[in-house]
Amino acid sequence: MAFAKRNDFNDRRETAQSARQAMLERFKARPPADDPELLAKQAERAAVAEAREKRRAEREAIRKAEEERIAAEKLATELAELQRKEEDARRRAEAEALQDAARKAQRDLRYATRKSKKRR
C-alpha cells in the first residue's frame, strides 16, 4: 500500500511553493529593525551581557588576588625554610670546626706527651 498516496511532480511543486510562501510570510511578519520593542529587548540583552562580563571580571580579579596571596605565602615559606637550612649549615660548620680544634688539641697533647717521655 506504499503506492496508495500518489505524489506526482505537480504535488511536489505545490508543496515547495507553499513552503516558500510560508517562509516569506514569516519574514514579512518580523518586526522592523527600529521597532521600540525590539530595541528595548536588545538594550536589555546588552545590559545583561555587560553585567555578566562585569561579574566575570570581578571573579577573575578575586582569583588573581588569591593566586598572588598563595604565591606570596609560598615564597615566604620557602624563604624561611632556606634561612633555616642556612642557619643549620652554619651551626654544623661551627660545631665541626670546634670538634676539629678539640681533636687537634688532643692530638697535640698526645704528641707533646710522647715527646716529653722520649726526652726523659
PDB file of N, CA and C in Angstrom:
ATOM      1  N   MET A   1       0.802  -1.193   0.000  1.00  0.00           N
ATOM      2  CA  MET A   1       0.000   0.000   0.000  1.00  0.00           C
ATOM      3  C   MET A   1       0.855   1.272   0.000  1.00  0.00           C
ATOM      4  N   ALA A   2       2.133   1.112  -0.271  1.00  0.00           N
ATOM      5  CA  ALA A   2       3.018   2.254  -0.317  1.00  0.00           C
ATOM      6  C   ALA A   2       2.666   3.191  -1.457  1.00  0.00           C
ATOM      7  N   PHE A   3       2.020   2.681  -2.487  1.00  0.00           N
ATOM      8  CA  PHE A   3       1.678   3.499  -3.642  1.00  0.00           C
ATOM      9  C   PHE A   3       0.269   4.060  -3.568  1.00  0.00           C
ATOM     10  N   ALA A   4      -0.390   3.921  -2.435  1.00  0.00           N
ATOM     11  CA  ALA A   4      -1.753   4.402  -2.313  1.00  0.00           C
ATOM     12  C   ALA A   4      -1.790   5.925  -2.421  1.00  0.00           C
ATOM     13  N   LYS A   5      -0.755   6.586  -1.902  1.00  0.00           N
ATOM     14  CA  LYS A   5      -0.703   8.047  -1.952  1.00  0.00           C
ATOM     15  C   LYS A   5       0.153   8.443  -3.143  1.00  0.00           C
ATOM     16  N   ARG A   6      -0.445   8.978  -4.165  1.00  0.00           N
ATOM     17  CA  ARG A   6       0.276   9.367  -5.377  1.00  0.00           C
ATOM     18  C   ARG A   6       0.903  10.751  -5.157  1.00  0.00           C
ATOM     19  N   ASN A   7       2.147  10.871  -5.456  1.00  0.00           N
ATOM     20  CA  ASN A   7       2.850  12.136  -5.262  1.00  0.00           C
ATOM     21  C   ASN A   7       3.568  12.468  -6.565  1.00  0.00           C
ATOM     22  N   ASP A   8       2.857  13.110  -7.443  1.00  0.00           N
ATOM     23  CA  ASP A   8       3.478  13.406  -8.724  1.00  0.00           C
ATOM     24  C   ASP A   8       4.185  14.766  -8.675  1.00  0.00           C
ATOM     25  N   PHE A   9       4.736  15.192  -9.781  1.00  0.00           N
ATOM     26  CA  PHE A   9       5.551  16.390  -9.850  1.00  0.00           C
ATOM     27  C   PHE A   9       4.780  17.635  -9.423  1.00  0.00           C
ATOM     28  N   ASN A  10       3.532  17.748  -9.862  1.00  0.00           N
ATOM     29  CA  ASN A  10       2.744  18.927  -9.514  1.00  0.00           C
ATOM     30  C   ASN A  10       2.496  19.018  -8.011  1.00  0.00           C
ATOM     31  N   ASP A  11       2.261  17.868  -7.360  1.00  0.00           N
ATOM     32  CA  ASP A  11       2.056  17.874  -5.901  1.00  0.00           C
ATOM     33  C   ASP A  11       3.323  18.360  -5.188  1.00  0.00           C
ATOM     34  N   ARG A  12       4.458  17.873  -5.637  1.00  0.00           N
ATOM     35  CA  ARG A  12       5.726  18.282  -5.007  1.00  0.00           C
ATOM     36  C   ARG A  12       6.000  19.758  -5.249  1.00  0.00           C
ATOM     37  N   ARG A  13       5.696  20.232  -6.441  1.00  0.00           N
ATOM     38  CA  ARG A  13       5.906  21.638  -6.765  1.00  0.00           C
ATOM     39  C   ARG A  13       5.006  22.538  -5.920  1.00  0.00           C
ATOM     40  N   GLU A  14       3.765  22.142  -5.738  1.00  0.00           N
ATOM     41  CA  GLU A  14       2.832  22.924  -4.919  1.00  0.00           C
ATOM     42  C   GLU A  14       3.263  22.931  -3.452  1.00  0.00           C
ATOM     43  N   THR A  15       3.744  21.814  -2.972  1.00  0.00           N
ATOM     44  CA  THR A  15       4.223  21.730  -1.586  1.00  0.00           C
ATOM     45  C   THR A  15       5.428  22.654  -1.393  1.00  0.00           C
ATOM     46  N   ALA A  16       6.355  22.648  -2.327  1.00  0.00           N
ATOM     47  CA  ALA A  16       7.536  23.512  -2.237  1.00  0.00           C
ATOM     48  C   ALA A  16       7.122  24.974  -2.303  1.00  0.00           C
ATOM     49  N   GLN A  17       6.171  25.301  -3.183  1.00  0.00           N
ATOM     50  CA  GLN A  17       5.702  26.674  -3.315  1.00  0.00           C
ATOM     51  C   GLN A  17       5.042  27.147  -2.027  1.00  0.00           C
ATOM     52  N   SER A  18       4.222  26.284  -1.412  1.00  0.00           N
ATOM     53  CA  SER A  18       3.558  26.675  -0.163  1.00  0.00           C
ATOM     54  C   SER A  18       4.582  26.856   0.963  1.00  0.00           C
ATOM     55  N   ALA A  19       5.640  26.033   0.955  1.00  0.00           N
ATOM     56  CA  ALA A  19       6.696  26.185   1.965  1.00  0.00           C
ATOM     57  C   ALA A  19       7.416  27.517   1.777  1.00  0.00           C
ATOM     58  N   ARG A  20       7.717  27.883   0.518  1.00  0.00           N
ATOM     59  CA  ARG A  20       8.369  29.167   0.253  1.00  0.00           C
ATOM     60  C   ARG A  20       7.461  30.329   0.655  1.00  0.00           C
ATOM     61  N   GLN A  21       6.198  30.201   0.399  1.00  0.00           N
ATOM     62  CA  GLN A  21       5.233  31.246   0.755  1.00  0.00           C
ATOM     63  C   GLN A  21       5.163  31.417   2.271  1.00  0.00           C
ATOM     64  N   ALA A  22       5.164  30.300   2.997  1.00  0.00           N
ATOM     65  CA  ALA A  22       5.123  30.361   4.466  1.00  0.00           C
ATOM     66  C   ALA A  22       6.376  31.044   5.007  1.00  0.00           C
ATOM     67  N   MET A  23       7.540  30.753   4.426  1.00  0.00           N
ATOM     68  CA  MET A  23       8.785  31.395   4.869  1.00  0.00           C
ATOM     69  C   MET A  23       8.736  32.895   4.593  1.00  0.00           C
ATOM     70  N   LEU A  24       8.201  33.265   3.432  1.00  0.00           N
ATOM     71  CA  LEU A  24       8.086  34.675   3.088  1.00  0.00           C
ATOM     72  C   LEU A  24       7.155  35.404   4.052  1.00  0.00           C
ATOM     73  N   GLU A  25       6.057  34.783   4.423  1.00  0.00           N
ATOM     74  CA  GLU A  25       5.117  35.397   5.365  1.00  0.00           C
ATOM     75  C   GLU A  25       5.748  35.559   6.742  1.00  0.00           C
ATOM     76  N   ARG A  26       6.499  34.554   7.162  1.00  0.00           N
ATOM     77  CA  ARG A  26       7.184  34.666   8.470  1.00  0.00           C
ATOM     78  C   ARG A  26       8.198  35.807   8.435  1.00  0.00           C
ATOM     79  N   PHE A  27       8.911  35.942   7.317  1.00  0.00           N
ATOM     80  CA  PHE A  27       9.894  37.016   7.189  1.00  0.00           C
ATOM     81  C   PHE A  27       9.215  38.377   7.207  1.00  0.00           C
ATOM     82  N   LYS A  28       8.086  38.505   6.508  1.00  0.00           N
ATOM     83  CA  LYS A  28       7.367  39.776   6.469  1.00  0.00           C
ATOM     84  C   LYS A  28       6.738  40.110   7.815  1.00  0.00           C
ATOM     85  N   ALA A  29       6.391  39.103   8.598  1.00  0.00           N
ATOM     86  CA  ALA A  29       5.756  39.328   9.898  1.00  0.00           C
ATOM     87  C   ALA A  29       6.763  39.773  10.953  1.00  0.00           C
ATOM     88  N   ARG A  30       8.028  39.666  10.638  1.00  0.00           N
ATOM     89  CA  ARG A  30       9.076  40.084  11.558  1.00  0.00           C
ATOM     90  C   ARG A  30       8.964  41.573  11.832  1.00  0.00           C
ATOM     91  N   PRO A  31       9.223  42.003  13.083  1.00  0.00           N
ATOM     92  CA  PRO A  31       9.158  43.438  13.377  1.00  0.00           C
ATOM     93  C   PRO A  31      10.325  44.161  12.710  1.00  0.00           C
ATOM     94  N   PRO A  32      10.168  45.404  12.352  1.00  0.00           N
ATOM     95  CA  PRO A  32      11.257  46.153  11.717  1.00  0.00           C
ATOM     96  C   PRO A  32      12.396  46.406  12.702  1.00  0.00           C
ATOM     97  N   ALA A  33      13.547  46.753  12.176  1.00  0.00           N
ATOM     98  CA  ALA A  33      14.745  46.941  13.000  1.00  0.00           C
ATOM     99  C   ALA A  33      14.610  48.113  13.956  1.00  0.00           C
ATOM    100  N   ASP A  34      13.784  49.094  13.644  1.00  0.00           N
ATOM    101  CA  ASP A  34      13.636  50.252  14.517  1.00  0.00           C
ATOM    102  C   ASP A  34      12.414  50.140  15.425  1.00  0.00           C
ATOM    103  N   ASP A  35      11.897  48.923  15.584  1.00  0.00           N
ATOM    104  CA  ASP A  35      10.753  48.687  16.459  1.00  0.00           C
ATOM    105  C   ASP A  35      11.165  48.956  17.912  1.00  0.00           C
ATOM    106  N   PRO A  36      10.400  49.773  18.666  1.00  0.00           N
ATOM    107  CA  PRO A  36      10.788  50.082  20.048  1.00  0.00           C
ATOM    108  C   PRO A  36      10.882  48.836  20.927  1.00  0.00           C
ATOM    109  N   GLU A  37      10.006  47.882  20.697  1.00  0.00           N
ATOM    110  CA  GLU A  37      10.051  46.645  21.487  1.00  0.00           C
ATOM    111  C   GLU A  37      11.348  45.895  21.234  1.00  0.00           C
ATOM    112  N   LEU A  38      11.717  45.801  19.957  1.00  0.00           N
ATOM    113  CA  LEU A  38      12.946  45.114  19.591  1.00  0.00           C
ATOM    114  C   LEU A  38      14.163  45.851  20.150  1.00  0.00           C
ATOM    115  N   LEU A  39      14.148  47.165  20.058  1.00  0.00           N
ATOM    116  CA  LEU A  39      15.259  47.957  20.607  1.00  0.00           C
ATOM    117  C   LEU A  39      15.358  47.796  22.111  1.00  0.00           C
ATOM    118  N   ALA A  40      14.212  47.730  22.795  1.00  0.00           N
ATOM    119  CA  ALA A  40      14.218  47.542  24.248  1.00  0.00           C
ATOM    120  C   ALA A  40      14.800  46.174  24.607  1.00  0.00           C
ATOM    121  N   LYS A  41      14.426  45.144  23.846  1.00  0.00           N
ATOM    122  CA  LYS A  41      14.966  43.801  24.107  1.00  0.00           C
ATOM    123  C   LYS A  41      16.474  43.771  23.869  1.00  0.00           C
ATOM    124  N   GLN A  42      16.919  44.432  22.799  1.00  0.00           N
ATOM    125  CA  GLN A  42      18.356  44.474  22.522  1.00  0.00           C
ATOM    126  C   GLN A  42      19.107  45.206  23.626  1.00  0.00           C
ATOM    127  N   ALA A  43      18.537  46.300  24.110  1.00  0.00           N
ATOM    128  CA  ALA A  43      19.174  47.047  25.197  1.00  0.00           C
ATOM    129  C   ALA A  43      19.236  46.196  26.470  1.00  0.00           C
ATOM    130  N   GLU A  44      18.156  45.466  26.729  1.00  0.00           N
ATOM    131  CA  GLU A  44      18.124  44.597  27.907  1.00  0.00           C
ATOM    132  C   GLU A  44      19.177  43.496  27.788  1.00  0.00           C
ATOM    133  N   ARG A  45      19.284  42.900  26.604  1.00  0.00           N
ATOM    134  CA  ARG A  45      20.301  41.859  26.390  1.00  0.00           C
ATOM    135  C   ARG A  45      21.710  42.427  26.572  1.00  0.00           C
ATOM    136  N   ALA A  46      21.917  43.636  26.065  1.00  0.00           N
ATOM    137  CA  ALA A  46      23.231  44.269  26.198  1.00  0.00           C
ATOM    138  C   ALA A  46      23.543  44.542  27.671  1.00  0.00           C
ATOM    139  N   ALA A  47      22.547  44.974  28.434  1.00  0.00           N
ATOM    140  CA  ALA A  47      22.762  45.238  29.866  1.00  0.00           C
ATOM    141  C   ALA A  47      23.085  43.943  30.604  1.00  0.00           C
ATOM    142  N   VAL A  48      22.367  42.876  30.259  1.00  0.00           N
ATOM    143  CA  VAL A  48      22.629  41.578  30.897  1.00  0.00           C
ATOM    144  C   VAL A  48      24.037  41.101  30.553  1.00  0.00           C
ATOM    145  N   ALA A  49      24.417  41.241  29.292  1.00  0.00           N
ATOM    146  CA  ALA A  49      25.761  40.822  28.874  1.00  0.00           C
ATOM    147  C   ALA A  49      26.834  41.644  29.578  1.00  0.00           C
ATOM    148  N   GLU A  50      26.597  42.947  29.723  1.00  0.00           N
ATOM    149  CA  GLU A  50      27.557  43.815  30.407  1.00  0.00           C
ATOM    150  C   GLU A  50      27.687  43.429  31.881  1.00  0.00           C
ATOM    151  N   ALA A  51      26.554  43.160  32.523  1.00  0.00           N
ATOM    152  CA  ALA A  51      26.583  42.745  33.926  1.00  0.00           C
ATOM    153  C   ALA A  51      27.306  41.407  34.070  1.00  0.00           C
ATOM    154  N   ARG A  52      27.063  40.504  33.143  1.00  0.00           N
ATOM    155  CA  ARG A  52      27.730  39.197  33.174  1.00  0.00           C
ATOM    156  C   ARG A  52      29.233  39.371  33.020  1.00  0.00           C
ATOM    157  N   GLU A  53      29.643  40.219  32.101  1.00  0.00           N
ATOM    158  CA  GLU A  53      31.067  40.474  31.881  1.00  0.00           C
ATOM    159  C   GLU A  53      31.702  41.127  33.115  1.00  0.00           C
ATOM    160  N   LYS A  54      30.968  42.025  33.762  1.00  0.00           N
ATOM    161  CA  LYS A  54      31.475  42.681  34.969  1.00  0.00           C
ATOM    162  C   LYS A  54      31.682  41.657  36.090  1.00  0.00           C
ATOM    163  N   ARG A  55      30.699  40.760  36.258  1.00  0.00           N
ATOM    164  CA  ARG A  55      30.835  39.716  37.290  1.00  0.00           C
ATOM    165  C   ARG A  55      31.997  38.787  36.979  1.00  0.00           C
ATOM    166  N   ARG A  56      32.173  38.467  35.691  1.00  0.00           N
ATOM    167  CA  ARG A  56      33.289  37.607  35.301  1.00  0.00           C
ATOM    168  C   ARG A  56      34.619  38.293  35.606  1.00  0.00           C
ATOM    169  N   ALA A  57      34.708  39.591  35.318  1.00  0.00           N
ATOM    170  CA  ALA A  57      35.937  40.343  35.595  1.00  0.00           C
ATOM    171  C   ALA A  57      36.213  40.400  37.101  1.00  0.00           C
ATOM    172  N   GLU A  58      35.165  40.564  37.901  1.00  0.00           N
ATOM    173  CA  GLU A  58      35.341  40.575  39.357  1.00  0.00           C
ATOM    174  C   GLU A  58      35.839  39.222  39.851  1.00  0.00           C
ATOM    175  N   ARG A  59      35.243  38.141  39.323  1.00  0.00           N
ATOM    176  CA  ARG A  59      35.691  36.801  39.729  1.00  0.00           C
ATOM    177  C   ARG A  59      37.142  36.582  39.328  1.00  0.00           C
ATOM    178  N   GLU A  60      37.509  37.057  38.146  1.00  0.00           N
ATOM    179  CA  GLU A  60      38.876  36.925  37.673  1.00  0.00           C
ATOM    180  C   GLU A  60      39.838  37.712  38.569  1.00  0.00           C
ATOM    181  N   ALA A  61      39.438  38.918  38.965  1.00  0.00           N
ATOM    182  CA  ALA A  61      40.283  39.729  39.850  1.00  0.00           C
ATOM    183  C   ALA A  61      40.454  39.049  41.208  1.00  0.00           C
ATOM    184  N   ILE A  62      39.367  38.489  41.732  1.00  0.00           N
ATOM    185  CA  ILE A  62      39.443  37.782  43.012  1.00  0.00           C
ATOM    186  C   ILE A  62      40.349  36.565  42.887  1.00  0.00           C
ATOM    187  N   ARG A  63      40.226  35.834  41.773  1.00  0.00           N
ATOM    188  CA  ARG A  63      41.057  34.648  41.561  1.00  0.00           C
ATOM    189  C   ARG A  63      42.529  35.031  41.464  1.00  0.00           C
ATOM    190  N   LYS A  64      42.819  36.107  40.737  1.00  0.00           N
ATOM    191  CA  LYS A  64      44.215  36.552  40.613  1.00  0.00           C
ATOM    192  C   LYS A  64      44.777  36.997  41.963  1.00  0.00           C
ATOM    193  N   ALA A  65      43.972  37.720  42.742  1.00  0.00           N
ATOM    194  CA  ALA A  65      44.424  38.160  44.066  1.00  0.00           C
ATOM    195  C   ALA A  65      44.713  36.950  44.955  1.00  0.00           C
ATOM    196  N   GLU A  66      43.862  35.949  44.891  1.00  0.00           N
ATOM    197  CA  GLU A  66      44.068  34.736  45.688  1.00  0.00           C
ATOM    198  C   GLU A  66      45.342  34.014  45.239  1.00  0.00           C
ATOM    199  N   GLU A  67      45.552  33.929  43.928  1.00  0.00           N
ATOM    200  CA  GLU A  67      46.772  33.291  43.421  1.00  0.00           C
ATOM    201  C   GLU A  67      48.014  34.055  43.875  1.00  0.00           C
ATOM    202  N   GLU A  68      47.954  35.372  43.851  1.00  0.00           N
ATOM    203  CA  GLU A  68      49.093  36.183  44.296  1.00  0.00           C
ATOM    204  C   GLU A  68      49.342  35.995  45.786  1.00  0.00           C
ATOM    205  N   ARG A  69      48.260  35.913  46.579  1.00  0.00           N
ATOM    206  CA  ARG A  69      48.409  35.701  48.020  1.00  0.00           C
ATOM    207  C   ARG A  69      49.056  34.340  48.288  1.00  0.00           C
ATOM    208  N   ILE A  70      48.594  33.313  47.580  1.00  0.00           N
ATOM    209  CA  ILE A  70      49.153  31.981  47.757  1.00  0.00           C
ATOM    210  C   ILE A  70      50.619  31.955  47.341  1.00  0.00           C
ATOM    211  N   ALA A  71      50.943  32.634  46.221  1.00  0.00           N
ATOM    212  CA  ALA A  71      52.331  32.686  45.766  1.00  0.00           C
ATOM    213  C   ALA A  71      53.210  33.407  46.789  1.00  0.00           C
ATOM    214  N   ALA A  72      52.701  34.488  47.378  1.00  0.00           N
ATOM    215  CA  ALA A  72      53.468  35.225  48.390  1.00  0.00           C
ATOM    216  C   ALA A  72      53.690  34.361  49.629  1.00  0.00           C
ATOM    217  N   GLU A  73      52.651  33.634  50.044  1.00  0.00           N
ATOM    218  CA  GLU A  73      52.797  32.738  51.200  1.00  0.00           C
ATOM    219  C   GLU A  73      53.813  31.647  50.906  1.00  0.00           C
ATOM    220  N   LYS A  74      53.749  31.088  49.708  1.00  0.00           N
ATOM    221  CA  LYS A  74      54.692  30.033  49.325  1.00  0.00           C
ATOM    222  C   LYS A  74      56.118  30.570  49.308  1.00  0.00           C
ATOM    223  N   LEU A  75      56.290  31.782  48.763  1.00  0.00           N
ATOM    224  CA  LEU A  75      57.611  32.398  48.712  1.00  0.00           C
ATOM    225  C   LEU A  75      58.145  32.653  50.126  1.00  0.00           C
ATOM    226  N   ALA A  76      57.272  33.140  51.010  1.00  0.00           N
ATOM    227  CA  ALA A  76      57.692  33.399  52.391  1.00  0.00           C
ATOM    228  C   ALA A  76      58.082  32.094  53.083  1.00  0.00           C
ATOM    229  N   THR A  77      57.312  31.038  52.852  1.00  0.00           N
ATOM    230  CA  THR A  77      57.617  29.733  53.445  1.00  0.00           C
ATOM    231  C   THR A  77      58.947  29.210  52.925  1.00  0.00           C
ATOM    232  N   GLU A  78      59.159  29.309  51.607  1.00  0.00           N
ATOM    233  CA  GLU A  78      60.418  28.842  51.024  1.00  0.00           C
ATOM    234  C   GLU A  78      61.600  29.651  51.549  1.00  0.00           C
ATOM    235  N   LEU A  79      61.408  30.960  51.698  1.00  0.00           N
ATOM    236  CA  LEU A  79      62.478  31.809  52.219  1.00  0.00           C
ATOM    237  C   LEU A  79      62.808  31.434  53.662  1.00  0.00           C
ATOM    238  N   ALA A  80      61.789  31.210  54.472  1.00  0.00           N
ATOM    239  CA  ALA A  80      62.016  30.809  55.863  1.00  0.00           C
ATOM    240  C   ALA A  80      62.727  29.461  55.926  1.00  0.00           C
ATOM    241  N   GLU A  81      62.329  28.539  55.062  1.00  0.00           N
ATOM    242  CA  GLU A  81      62.977  27.226  55.026  1.00  0.00           C
ATOM    243  C   GLU A  81      64.438  27.355  54.603  1.00  0.00           C
ATOM    244  N   LEU A  82      64.703  28.195  53.624  1.00  0.00           N
ATOM    245  CA  LEU A  82      66.076  28.417  53.170  1.00  0.00           C
ATOM    246  C   LEU A  82      66.922  29.035  54.279  1.00  0.00           C
ATOM    247  N   GLN A  83      66.368  30.015  54.980  1.00  0.00           N
ATOM    248  CA  GLN A  83      67.097  30.623  56.094  1.00  0.00           C
ATOM    249  C   GLN A  83      67.374  29.601  57.198  1.00  0.00           C
ATOM    250  N   ARG A  84      66.382  28.744  57.473  1.00  0.00           N
ATOM    251  CA  ARG A  84      66.574  27.720  58.499  1.00  0.00           C
ATOM    252  C   ARG A  84      67.676  26.756  58.087  1.00  0.00           C
ATOM    253  N   LYS A  85      67.685  26.360  56.812  1.00  0.00           N
ATOM    254  CA  LYS A  85      68.723  25.438  56.338  1.00  0.00           C
ATOM    255  C   LYS A  85      70.100  26.084  56.399  1.00  0.00           C
ATOM    256  N   GLU A  86      70.191  27.365  56.025  1.00  0.00           N
ATOM    257  CA  GLU A  86      71.473  28.069  56.092  1.00  0.00           C
ATOM    258  C   GLU A  86      71.964  28.173  57.534  1.00  0.00           C
ATOM    259  N   GLU A  87      71.043  28.456  58.450  1.00  0.00           N
ATOM    260  CA  GLU A  87      71.414  28.542  59.877  1.00  0.00           C
ATOM    261  C   GLU A  87      71.884  27.183  60.390  1.00  0.00           C
ATOM    262  N   ASP A  88      71.181  26.114  59.992  1.00  0.00           N
ATOM    263  CA  ASP A  88      71.591  24.765  60.400  1.00  0.00           C
ATOM    264  C   ASP A  88      72.975  24.434  59.840  1.00  0.00           C
ATOM    265  N   ALA A  89      73.217  24.780  58.583  1.00  0.00           N
ATOM    266  CA  ALA A  89      74.517  24.511  57.971  1.00  0.00           C
ATOM    267  C   ALA A  89      75.612  25.302  58.676  1.00  0.00           C
ATOM    268  N   ARG A  90      75.332  26.552  59.038  1.00  0.00           N
ATOM    269  CA  ARG A  90      76.319  27.371  59.748  1.00  0.00           C
ATOM    270  C   ARG A  90      76.636  26.769  61.120  1.00  0.00           C
ATOM    271  N   ARG A  91      75.577  26.353  61.815  1.00  0.00           N
ATOM    272  CA  ARG A  91      75.788  25.746  63.139  1.00  0.00           C
ATOM    273  C   ARG A  91      76.591  24.449  63.030  1.00  0.00           C
ATOM    274  N   ARG A  92      76.272  23.622  62.021  1.00  0.00           N
ATOM    275  CA  ARG A  92      77.024  22.380  61.830  1.00  0.00           C
ATOM    276  C   ARG A  92      78.488  22.671  61.512  1.00  0.00           C
ATOM    277  N   ALA A  93      78.723  23.703  60.693  1.00  0.00           N
ATOM    278  CA  ALA A  93      80.100  24.057  60.342  1.00  0.00           C
ATOM    279  C   ALA A  93      80.854  24.538  61.583  1.00  0.00           C
ATOM    280  N   GLU A  94      80.187  25.347  62.422  1.00  0.00           N
ATOM    281  CA  GLU A  94      80.829  25.809  63.660  1.00  0.00           C
ATOM    282  C   GLU A  94      81.119  24.638  64.595  1.00  0.00           C
ATOM    283  N   ALA A  95      80.144  23.738  64.729  1.00  0.00           N
ATOM    284  CA  ALA A  95      80.337  22.578  65.609  1.00  0.00           C
ATOM    285  C   ALA A  95      81.480  21.700  65.083  1.00  0.00           C
ATOM    286  N   GLU A  96      81.528  21.519  63.774  1.00  0.00           N
ATOM    287  CA  GLU A  96      82.597  20.707  63.182  1.00  0.00           C
ATOM    288  C   GLU A  96      83.955  21.376  63.382  1.00  0.00           C
ATOM    289  N   ALA A  97      83.993  22.709  63.255  1.00  0.00           N
ATOM    290  CA  ALA A  97      85.246  23.427  63.472  1.00  0.00           C
ATOM    291  C   ALA A  97      85.696  23.279  64.934  1.00  0.00           C
ATOM    292  N   LEU A  98      84.738  23.365  65.858  1.00  0.00           N
ATOM    293  CA  LEU A  98      85.089  23.171  67.277  1.00  0.00           C
ATOM    294  C   LEU A  98      85.590  21.761  67.529  1.00  0.00           C
ATOM    295  N   GLN A  99      84.931  20.769  66.906  1.00  0.00           N
ATOM    296  CA  GLN A  99      85.375  19.383  67.085  1.00  0.00           C
ATOM    297  C   GLN A  99      86.763  19.175  66.488  1.00  0.00           C
ATOM    298  N   ASP A 100      87.004  19.766  65.335  1.00  0.00           N
ATOM    299  CA  ASP A 100      88.327  19.661  64.720  1.00  0.00           C
ATOM    300  C   ASP A 100      89.389  20.293  65.622  1.00  0.00           C
ATOM    301  N   ALA A 101      89.065  21.450  66.186  1.00  0.00           N
ATOM    302  CA  ALA A 101      90.014  22.119  67.087  1.00  0.00           C
ATOM    303  C   ALA A 101      90.258  21.264  68.329  1.00  0.00           C
ATOM    304  N   ALA A 102      89.195  20.645  68.846  1.00  0.00           N
ATOM    305  CA  ALA A 102      89.357  19.796  70.023  1.00  0.00           C
ATOM    306  C   ALA A 102      90.204  18.569  69.680  1.00  0.00           C
ATOM    307  N   ARG A 103      89.964  17.959  68.532  1.00  0.00           N
ATOM    308  CA  ARG A 103      90.772  16.796  68.124  1.00  0.00           C
ATOM    309  C   ARG A 103      92.236  17.188  67.922  1.00  0.00           C
ATOM    310  N   LYS A 104      92.444  18.358  67.323  1.00  0.00           N
ATOM    311  CA  LYS A 104      93.816  18.812  67.099  1.00  0.00           C
ATOM    312  C   LYS A 104      94.514  19.067  68.434  1.00  0.00           C
ATOM    313  N   ALA A 105      93.754  19.673  69.357  1.00  0.00           N
ATOM    314  CA  ALA A 105      94.348  19.928  70.679  1.00  0.00           C
ATOM    315  C   ALA A 105      94.695  18.601  71.364  1.00  0.00           C
ATOM    316  N   GLN A 106      93.801  17.614  71.264  1.00  0.00           N
ATOM    317  CA  GLN A 106      94.081  16.300  71.866  1.00  0.00           C
ATOM    318  C   GLN A 106      95.286  15.651  71.187  1.00  0.00           C
ATOM    319  N   ARG A 107      95.362  15.746  69.881  1.00  0.00           N
ATOM    320  CA  ARG A 107      96.481  15.164  69.142  1.00  0.00           C
ATOM    321  C   ARG A 107      97.784  15.855  69.534  1.00  0.00           C
ATOM    322  N   ASP A 108      97.735  17.185  69.622  1.00  0.00           N
ATOM    323  CA  ASP A 108      98.937  17.931  70.015  1.00  0.00           C
ATOM    324  C   ASP A 108      99.362  17.560  71.433  1.00  0.00           C
ATOM    325  N   LEU A 109      98.367  17.351  72.297  1.00  0.00           N
ATOM    326  CA  LEU A 109      98.665  16.959  73.673  1.00  0.00           C
ATOM    327  C   LEU A 109      99.327  15.583  73.705  1.00  0.00           C
ATOM    328  N   ARG A 110      98.791  14.651  72.936  1.00  0.00           N
ATOM    329  CA  ARG A 110      99.391  13.306  72.871  1.00  0.00           C
ATOM    330  C   ARG A 110     100.822  13.387  72.321  1.00  0.00           C
ATOM    331  N   TYR A 111     100.993  14.206  71.275  1.00  0.00           N
ATOM    332  CA  TYR A 111     102.304  14.360  70.669  1.00  0.00           C
ATOM    333  C   TYR A 111     103.285  14.964  71.672  1.00  0.00           C
ATOM    334  N   ALA A 112     102.836  16.000  72.374  1.00  0.00           N
ATOM    335  CA  ALA A 112     103.710  16.652  73.356  1.00  0.00           C
ATOM    336  C   ALA A 112     104.039  15.695  74.495  1.00  0.00           C
ATOM    337  N   THR A 113     103.053  14.910  74.905  1.00  0.00           N
ATOM    338  CA  THR A 113     103.283  13.945  75.980  1.00  0.00           C
ATOM    339  C   THR A 113     104.294  12.891  75.535  1.00  0.00           C
ATOM    340  N   ARG A 114     104.154  12.406  74.348  1.00  0.00           N
ATOM    341  CA  ARG A 114     105.058  11.400  73.812  1.00  0.00           C
ATOM    342  C   ARG A 114     106.475  11.972  73.687  1.00  0.00           C
ATOM    343  N   LYS A 115     106.605  13.212  73.232  1.00  0.00           N
ATOM    344  CA  LYS A 115     107.890  13.854  73.104  1.00  0.00           C
ATOM    345  C   LYS A 115     108.567  14.045  74.466  1.00  0.00           C
ATOM    346  N   SER A 116     107.721  14.454  75.441  1.00  0.00           N
ATOM    347  CA  SER A 116     108.305  14.675  76.759  1.00  0.00           C
ATOM    348  C   SER A 116     108.767  13.353  77.389  1.00  0.00           C
ATOM    349  N   LYS A 117     108.098  12.251  77.092  1.00  0.00           N
ATOM    350  CA  LYS A 117     108.521  10.938  77.615  1.00  0.00           C
ATOM    351  C   LYS A 117     109.824  10.498  76.958  1.00  0.00           C
ATOM    352  N   LYS A 118     110.032  10.828  75.708  1.00  0.00           N
ATOM    353  CA  LYS A 118     111.239  10.446  74.998  1.00  0.00           C
ATOM    354  C   LYS A 118     112.442  11.238  75.521  1.00  0.00           C
ATOM    355  N   ARG A 119     112.266  12.465  75.939  1.00  0.00           N
ATOM    356  CA  ARG A 119     113.353  13.313  76.403  1.00  0.00           C
ATOM    357  C   ARG A 119     113.826  12.882  77.793  1.00  0.00           C
ATOM    358  N   ARG A 120     113.093  12.207  78.539  1.00  0.00           N
ATOM    359  CA  ARG A 120     113.474  11.840  79.873  1.00  0.00           C
ATOM    360  C   ARG A 120     114.400  10.713  79.895  1.00  0.00           C
TER     361      ARG A 120
END
